[in-house]
Amino acid sequence: MERLRNFLTGVKDELKRVIWPRRELATKATISVIIFSLVVGIYLWILDIGFTKIISFILSLRGSL
């Protein structure tokens, strides 16, 4: 139990030393991450559609043989 108490005291001390970002910076960073994630998601979605069409086309050629 003493080890846990020492650990939590250390955590509390470390958190006091952390330089937290201003609210404005945190908001801008969060918005940037959301926008980047949406762009990457849309890009991967378009790639998925393209590869699906290519595979379907190739498989349809095989079926007509």
PDB file of N, CA and C in Angstrom:
ATOM      1  N   MET A   1       0.822  -1.184   0.000  1.00  0.00           N
ATOM      2  CA  MET A   1       0.000   0.000   0.000  1.00  0.00           C
ATOM      3  C   MET A   1       0.870   1.254   0.000  1.00  0.00           C
ATOM      4  N   GLU A   2       2.001   1.158   0.686  1.00  0.00           N
ATOM      5  CA  GLU A   2       2.919   2.296   0.764  1.00  0.00           C
ATOM      6  C   GLU A   2       3.496   2.623  -0.620  1.00  0.00           C
ATOM      7  N   ARG A   3       3.777   1.588  -1.411  1.00  0.00           N
ATOM      8  CA  ARG A   3       4.315   1.811  -2.763  1.00  0.00           C
ATOM      9  C   ARG A   3       3.305   2.552  -3.627  1.00  0.00           C
ATOM     10  N   LEU A   4       2.043   2.196  -3.493  1.00  0.00           N
ATOM     11  CA  LEU A   4       0.989   2.860  -4.260  1.00  0.00           C
ATOM     12  C   LEU A   4       0.889   4.327  -3.853  1.00  0.00           C
ATOM     13  N   ARG A   5       0.939   4.583  -2.568  1.00  0.00           N
ATOM     14  CA  ARG A   5       0.869   5.962  -2.072  1.00  0.00           C
ATOM     15  C   ARG A   5       2.060   6.778  -2.600  1.00  0.00           C
ATOM     16  N   ASN A   6       3.248   6.188  -2.575  1.00  0.00           N
ATOM     17  CA  ASN A   6       4.437   6.881  -3.094  1.00  0.00           C
ATOM     18  C   ASN A   6       4.301   7.151  -4.589  1.00  0.00           C
ATOM     19  N   PHE A   7       3.783   6.170  -5.295  1.00  0.00           N
ATOM     20  CA  PHE A   7       3.590   6.344  -6.738  1.00  0.00           C
ATOM     21  C   PHE A   7       2.620   7.484  -7.017  1.00  0.00           C
ATOM     22  N   LEU A   8       1.479   7.483  -6.340  1.00  0.00           N
ATOM     23  CA  LEU A   8       0.480   8.532  -6.574  1.00  0.00           C
ATOM     24  C   LEU A   8       0.998   9.906  -6.157  1.00  0.00           C
ATOM     25  N   THR A   9       1.803   9.967  -5.114  1.00  0.00           N
ATOM     26  CA  THR A   9       2.414  11.236  -4.712  1.00  0.00           C
ATOM     27  C   THR A   9       3.367  11.722  -5.802  1.00  0.00           C
ATOM     28  N   GLY A  10       4.138  10.798  -6.364  1.00  0.00           N
ATOM     29  CA  GLY A  10       5.045  11.151  -7.463  1.00  0.00           C
ATOM     30  C   GLY A  10       4.284  11.642  -8.680  1.00  0.00           C
ATOM     31  N   VAL A  11       3.184  10.984  -8.989  1.00  0.00           N
ATOM     32  CA  VAL A  11       2.356  11.405 -10.122  1.00  0.00           C
ATOM     33  C   VAL A  11       1.828  12.814  -9.893  1.00  0.00           C
ATOM     34  N   LYS A  12       1.344  13.077  -8.699  1.00  0.00           N
ATOM     35  CA  LYS A  12       0.813  14.396  -8.358  1.00  0.00           C
ATOM     36  C   LYS A  12       1.902  15.465  -8.495  1.00  0.00           C
ATOM     37  N   ASP A  13       3.113  15.160  -8.001  1.00  0.00           N
ATOM     38  CA  ASP A  13       4.226  16.108  -8.108  1.00  0.00           C
ATOM     39  C   ASP A  13       4.591  16.378  -9.562  1.00  0.00           C
ATOM     40  N   GLU A  14       4.607  15.319 -10.382  1.00  0.00           N
ATOM     41  CA  GLU A  14       4.942  15.496 -11.806  1.00  0.00           C
ATOM     42  C   GLU A  14       3.895  16.340 -12.517  1.00  0.00           C
ATOM     43  N   LEU A  15       2.629  16.118 -12.194  1.00  0.00           N
ATOM     44  CA  LEU A  15       1.560  16.881 -12.842  1.00  0.00           C
ATOM     45  C   LEU A  15       1.623  18.365 -12.488  1.00  0.00           C
ATOM     46  N   LYS A  16       2.179  18.684 -11.335  1.00  0.00           N
ATOM     47  CA  LYS A  16       2.347  20.089 -10.965  1.00  0.00           C
ATOM     48  C   LYS A  16       3.402  20.762 -11.839  1.00  0.00           C
ATOM     49  N   ARG A  17       4.364  19.990 -12.340  1.00  0.00           N
ATOM     50  CA  ARG A  17       5.454  20.539 -13.155  1.00  0.00           C
ATOM     51  C   ARG A  17       5.105  20.650 -14.633  1.00  0.00           C
ATOM     52  N   VAL A  18       4.027  20.017 -15.046  1.00  0.00           N
ATOM     53  CA  VAL A  18       3.642  20.024 -16.451  1.00  0.00           C
ATOM     54  C   VAL A  18       3.226  21.432 -16.863  1.00  0.00           C
ATOM     55  N   ILE A  19       3.699  21.850 -18.035  1.00  0.00           N
ATOM     56  CA  ILE A  19       3.265  23.130 -18.594  1.00  0.00           C
ATOM     57  C   ILE A  19       2.127  22.813 -19.561  1.00  0.00           C
ATOM     58  N   TRP A  20       0.909  23.067 -19.132  1.00  0.00           N
ATOM     59  CA  TRP A  20      -0.267  22.734 -19.926  1.00  0.00           C
ATOM     60  C   TRP A  20      -0.458  23.780 -21.016  1.00  0.00           C
ATOM     61  N   PRO A  21      -0.903  23.370 -22.207  1.00  0.00           N
ATOM     62  CA  PRO A  21      -1.128  24.347 -23.276  1.00  0.00           C
ATOM     63  C   PRO A  21      -2.323  25.245 -22.955  1.00  0.00           C
ATOM     64  N   ARG A  22      -2.288  26.437 -23.542  1.00  0.00           N
ATOM     65  CA  ARG A  22      -3.429  27.334 -23.369  1.00  0.00           C
ATOM     66  C   ARG A  22      -4.640  26.716 -24.059  1.00  0.00           C
ATOM     67  N   ARG A  23      -5.802  27.128 -23.643  1.00  0.00           N
ATOM     68  CA  ARG A  23      -7.056  26.583 -24.179  1.00  0.00           C
ATOM     69  C   ARG A  23      -7.122  26.816 -25.688  1.00  0.00           C
ATOM     70  N   GLU A  24      -6.683  27.986 -26.135  1.00  0.00           N
ATOM     71  CA  GLU A  24      -6.713  28.323 -27.567  1.00  0.00           C
ATOM     72  C   GLU A  24      -5.842  27.366 -28.375  1.00  0.00           C
ATOM     73  N   LEU A  25      -4.649  27.068 -27.878  1.00  0.00           N
ATOM     74  CA  LEU A  25      -3.752  26.149 -28.574  1.00  0.00           C
ATOM     75  C   LEU A  25      -4.338  24.735 -28.597  1.00  0.00           C
ATOM     76  N   ALA A  26      -4.890  24.308 -27.481  1.00  0.00           N
ATOM     77  CA  ALA A  26      -5.485  22.970 -27.418  1.00  0.00           C
ATOM     78  C   ALA A  26      -6.665  22.858 -28.393  1.00  0.00           C
ATOM     79  N   THR A  27      -7.474  23.914 -28.493  1.00  0.00           N
ATOM     80  CA  THR A  27      -8.612  23.908 -29.412  1.00  0.00           C
ATOM     81  C   THR A  27      -8.139  23.842 -30.857  1.00  0.00           C
ATOM     82  N   LYS A  28      -7.132  24.649 -31.198  1.00  0.00           N
ATOM     83  CA  LYS A  28      -6.603  24.634 -32.572  1.00  0.00           C
ATOM     84  C   LYS A  28      -6.005  23.274 -32.923  1.00  0.00           C
ATOM     85  N   ALA A  29      -5.275  22.688 -31.987  1.00  0.00           N
ATOM     86  CA  ALA A  29      -4.674  21.381 -32.231  1.00  0.00           C
ATOM     87  C   ALA A  29      -5.749  20.313 -32.416  1.00  0.00           C
ATOM     88  N   THR A  30      -6.800  20.370 -31.611  1.00  0.00           N
ATOM     89  CA  THR A  30      -7.889  19.404 -31.721  1.00  0.00           C
ATOM     90  C   THR A  30      -8.589  19.527 -33.067  1.00  0.00           C
ATOM     91  N   ILE A  31      -8.861  20.754 -33.495  1.00  0.00           N
ATOM     92  CA  ILE A  31      -9.509  20.978 -34.791  1.00  0.00           C
ATOM     93  C   ILE A  31      -8.614  20.480 -35.920  1.00  0.00           C
ATOM     94  N   SER A  32      -7.311  20.726 -35.810  1.00  0.00           N
ATOM     95  CA  SER A  32      -6.370  20.255 -36.836  1.00  0.00           C
ATOM     96  C   SER A  32      -6.386  18.736 -36.940  1.00  0.00           C
ATOM     97  N   VAL A  33      -6.398  18.063 -35.802  1.00  0.00           N
ATOM     98  CA  VAL A  33      -6.413  16.595 -35.801  1.00  0.00           C
ATOM     99  C   VAL A  33      -7.710  16.071 -36.415  1.00  0.00           C
ATOM    100  N   ILE A  34      -8.831  16.694 -36.088  1.00  0.00           N
ATOM    101  CA  ILE A  34     -10.119  16.259 -36.637  1.00  0.00           C
ATOM    102  C   ILE A  34     -10.147  16.449 -38.145  1.00  0.00           C
ATOM    103  N   ILE A  35      -9.689  17.597 -38.627  1.00  0.00           N
ATOM    104  CA  ILE A  35      -9.680  17.865 -40.073  1.00  0.00           C
ATOM    105  C   ILE A  35      -8.753  16.889 -40.785  1.00  0.00           C
ATOM    106  N   PHE A  36      -7.551  16.675 -40.234  1.00  0.00           N
ATOM    107  CA  PHE A  36      -6.604  15.743 -40.839  1.00  0.00           C
ATOM    108  C   PHE A  36      -7.195  14.338 -40.893  1.00  0.00           C
ATOM    109  N   SER A  37      -7.846  13.926 -39.813  1.00  0.00           N
ATOM    110  CA  SER A  37      -8.454  12.590 -39.779  1.00  0.00           C
ATOM    111  C   SER A  37      -9.552  12.455 -40.825  1.00  0.00           C
ATOM    112  N   LEU A  38     -10.355  13.495 -40.995  1.00  0.00           N
ATOM    113  CA  LEU A  38     -11.402  13.459 -42.017  1.00  0.00           C
ATOM    114  C   LEU A  38     -10.809  13.366 -43.419  1.00  0.00           C
ATOM    115  N   VAL A  39      -9.762  14.149 -43.684  1.00  0.00           N
ATOM    116  CA  VAL A  39      -9.122  14.119 -45.008  1.00  0.00           C
ATOM    117  C   VAL A  39      -8.542  12.738 -45.289  1.00  0.00           C
ATOM    118  N   VAL A  40      -7.839  12.166 -44.329  1.00  0.00           N
ATOM    119  CA  VAL A  40      -7.267  10.830 -44.518  1.00  0.00           C
ATOM    120  C   VAL A  40      -8.377   9.794 -44.679  1.00  0.00           C
ATOM    121  N   GLY A  41      -9.436   9.907 -43.896  1.00  0.00           N
ATOM    122  CA  GLY A  41     -10.560   8.974 -44.007  1.00  0.00           C
ATOM    123  C   GLY A  41     -11.216   9.029 -45.370  1.00  0.00           C
ATOM    124  N   ILE A  42     -11.426  10.244 -45.894  1.00  0.00           N
ATOM    125  CA  ILE A  42     -12.032  10.394 -47.225  1.00  0.00           C
ATOM    126  C   ILE A  42     -11.102   9.837 -48.297  1.00  0.00           C
ATOM    127  N   TYR A  43      -9.805  10.101 -48.163  1.00  0.00           N
ATOM    128  CA  TYR A  43      -8.824   9.580 -49.120  1.00  0.00           C
ATOM    129  C   TYR A  43      -8.855   8.050 -49.142  1.00  0.00           C
ATOM    130  N   LEU A  44      -8.849   7.439 -47.959  1.00  0.00           N
ATOM    131  CA  LEU A  44      -8.882   5.977 -47.898  1.00  0.00           C
ATOM    132  C   LEU A  44     -10.206   5.421 -48.415  1.00  0.00           C
ATOM    133  N   TRP A  45     -11.297   6.138 -48.185  1.00  0.00           N
ATOM    134  CA  TRP A  45     -12.602   5.714 -48.688  1.00  0.00           C
ATOM    135  C   TRP A  45     -12.601   5.707 -50.220  1.00  0.00           C
ATOM    136  N   ILE A  46     -12.032   6.761 -50.816  1.00  0.00           N
ATOM    137  CA  ILE A  46     -11.951   6.839 -52.287  1.00  0.00           C
ATOM    138  C   ILE A  46     -11.067   5.715 -52.818  1.00  0.00           C
ATOM    139  N   LEU A  47      -9.924   5.462 -52.170  1.00  0.00           N
ATOM    140  CA  LEU A  47      -9.067   4.352 -52.590  1.00  0.00           C
ATOM    141  C   LEU A  47      -9.810   3.025 -52.493  1.00  0.00           C
ATOM    142  N   ASP A  48     -10.565   2.833 -51.436  1.00  0.00           N
ATOM    143  CA  ASP A  48     -11.322   1.593 -51.245  1.00  0.00           C
ATOM    144  C   ASP A  48     -12.334   1.404 -52.375  1.00  0.00           C
ATOM    145  N   ILE A  49     -13.042   2.470 -52.719  1.00  0.00           N
ATOM    146  CA  ILE A  49     -14.014   2.387 -53.815  1.00  0.00           C
ATOM    147  C   ILE A  49     -13.314   2.039 -55.124  1.00  0.00           C
ATOM    148  N   GLY A  50     -12.178   2.712 -55.369  1.00  0.00           N
ATOM    149  CA  GLY A  50     -11.431   2.447 -56.608  1.00  0.00           C
ATOM    150  C   GLY A  50     -10.941   1.015 -56.688  1.00  0.00           C
ATOM    151  N   PHE A  51     -10.331   0.528 -55.616  1.00  0.00           N
ATOM    152  CA  PHE A  51      -9.829  -0.845 -55.626  1.00  0.00           C
ATOM    153  C   PHE A  51     -10.972  -1.855 -55.724  1.00  0.00           C
ATOM    154  N   THR A  52     -12.101  -1.561 -55.110  1.00  0.00           N
ATOM    155  CA  THR A  52     -13.257  -2.454 -55.211  1.00  0.00           C
ATOM    156  C   THR A  52     -13.726  -2.554 -56.652  1.00  0.00           C
ATOM    157  N   LYS A  53     -13.791  -1.419 -57.345  1.00  0.00           N
ATOM    158  CA  LYS A  53     -14.214  -1.438 -58.749  1.00  0.00           C
ATOM    159  C   LYS A  53     -13.210  -2.183 -59.621  1.00  0.00           C
ATOM    160  N   ILE A  54     -11.915  -1.981 -59.366  1.00  0.00           N
ATOM    161  CA  ILE A  54     -10.884  -2.675 -60.150  1.00  0.00           C
ATOM    162  C   ILE A  54     -10.974  -4.182 -59.931  1.00  0.00           C
ATOM    163  N   ILE A  55     -11.087  -4.596 -58.684  1.00  0.00           N
ATOM    164  CA  ILE A  55     -11.178  -6.038 -58.386  1.00  0.00           C
ATOM    165  C   ILE A  55     -12.444  -6.625 -58.990  1.00  0.00           C
ATOM    166  N   SER A  56     -13.550  -5.917 -58.872  1.00  0.00           N
ATOM    167  CA  SER A  56     -14.807  -6.409 -59.452  1.00  0.00           C
ATOM    168  C   SER A  56     -14.686  -6.551 -60.961  1.00  0.00           C
ATOM    169  N   PHE A  57     -14.027  -5.593 -61.605  1.00  0.00           N
ATOM    170  CA  PHE A  57     -13.838  -5.662 -63.061  1.00  0.00           C
ATOM    171  C   PHE A  57     -12.983  -6.870 -63.426  1.00  0.00           C
ATOM    172  N   ILE A  58     -11.890  -7.065 -62.694  1.00  0.00           N
ATOM    173  CA  ILE A  58     -11.005  -8.207 -62.981  1.00  0.00           C
ATOM    174  C   ILE A  58     -11.747  -9.519 -62.765  1.00  0.00           C
ATOM    175  N   LEU A  59     -12.516  -9.610 -61.699  1.00  0.00           N
ATOM    176  CA  LEU A  59     -13.257 -10.829 -61.437  1.00  0.00           C
ATOM    177  C   LEU A  59     -14.373 -11.062 -62.467  1.00  0.00           C
ATOM    178  N   SER A  60     -14.937  -9.992 -63.004  1.00  0.00           N
ATOM    179  CA  SER A  60     -15.969 -10.159 -64.025  1.00  0.00           C
ATOM    180  C   SER A  60     -15.349 -10.653 -65.333  1.00  0.00           C
ATOM    181  N   LEU A  61     -14.124 -10.288 -65.604  1.00  0.00           N
ATOM    182  CA  LEU A  61     -13.436 -10.787 -66.804  1.00  0.00           C
ATOM    183  C   LEU A  61     -13.173 -12.286 -66.662  1.00  0.00           C
ATOM    184  N   ARG A  62     -12.828 -12.694 -65.468  1.00  0.00           N
ATOM    185  CA  ARG A  62     -12.565 -14.113 -65.227  1.00  0.00           C
ATOM    186  C   ARG A  62     -13.838 -14.943 -65.401  1.00  0.00           C
ATOM    187  N   GLY A  63     -14.970 -14.389 -65.000  1.00  0.00           N
ATOM    188  CA  GLY A  63     -16.229 -15.107 -65.102  1.00  0.00           C
ATOM    189  C   GLY A  63     -16.709 -15.242 -66.542  1.00  0.00           C
ATOM    190  N   SER A  64     -16.256 -14.350 -67.417  1.00  0.00           N
ATOM    191  CA  SER A  64     -16.721 -14.424 -68.807  1.00  0.00           C
ATOM    192  C   SER A  64     -15.887 -15.360 -69.654  1.00  0.00           C
ATOM    193  N   LEU A  65     -14.826 -15.924 -69.076  1.00  0.00           N
ATOM    194  CA  LEU A  65     -13.992 -16.845 -69.853  1.00  0.00           C
ATOM    195  C   LEU A  65     -14.598 -18.154 -70.001  1.00  0.00           C
TER     196      LEU A  65
END
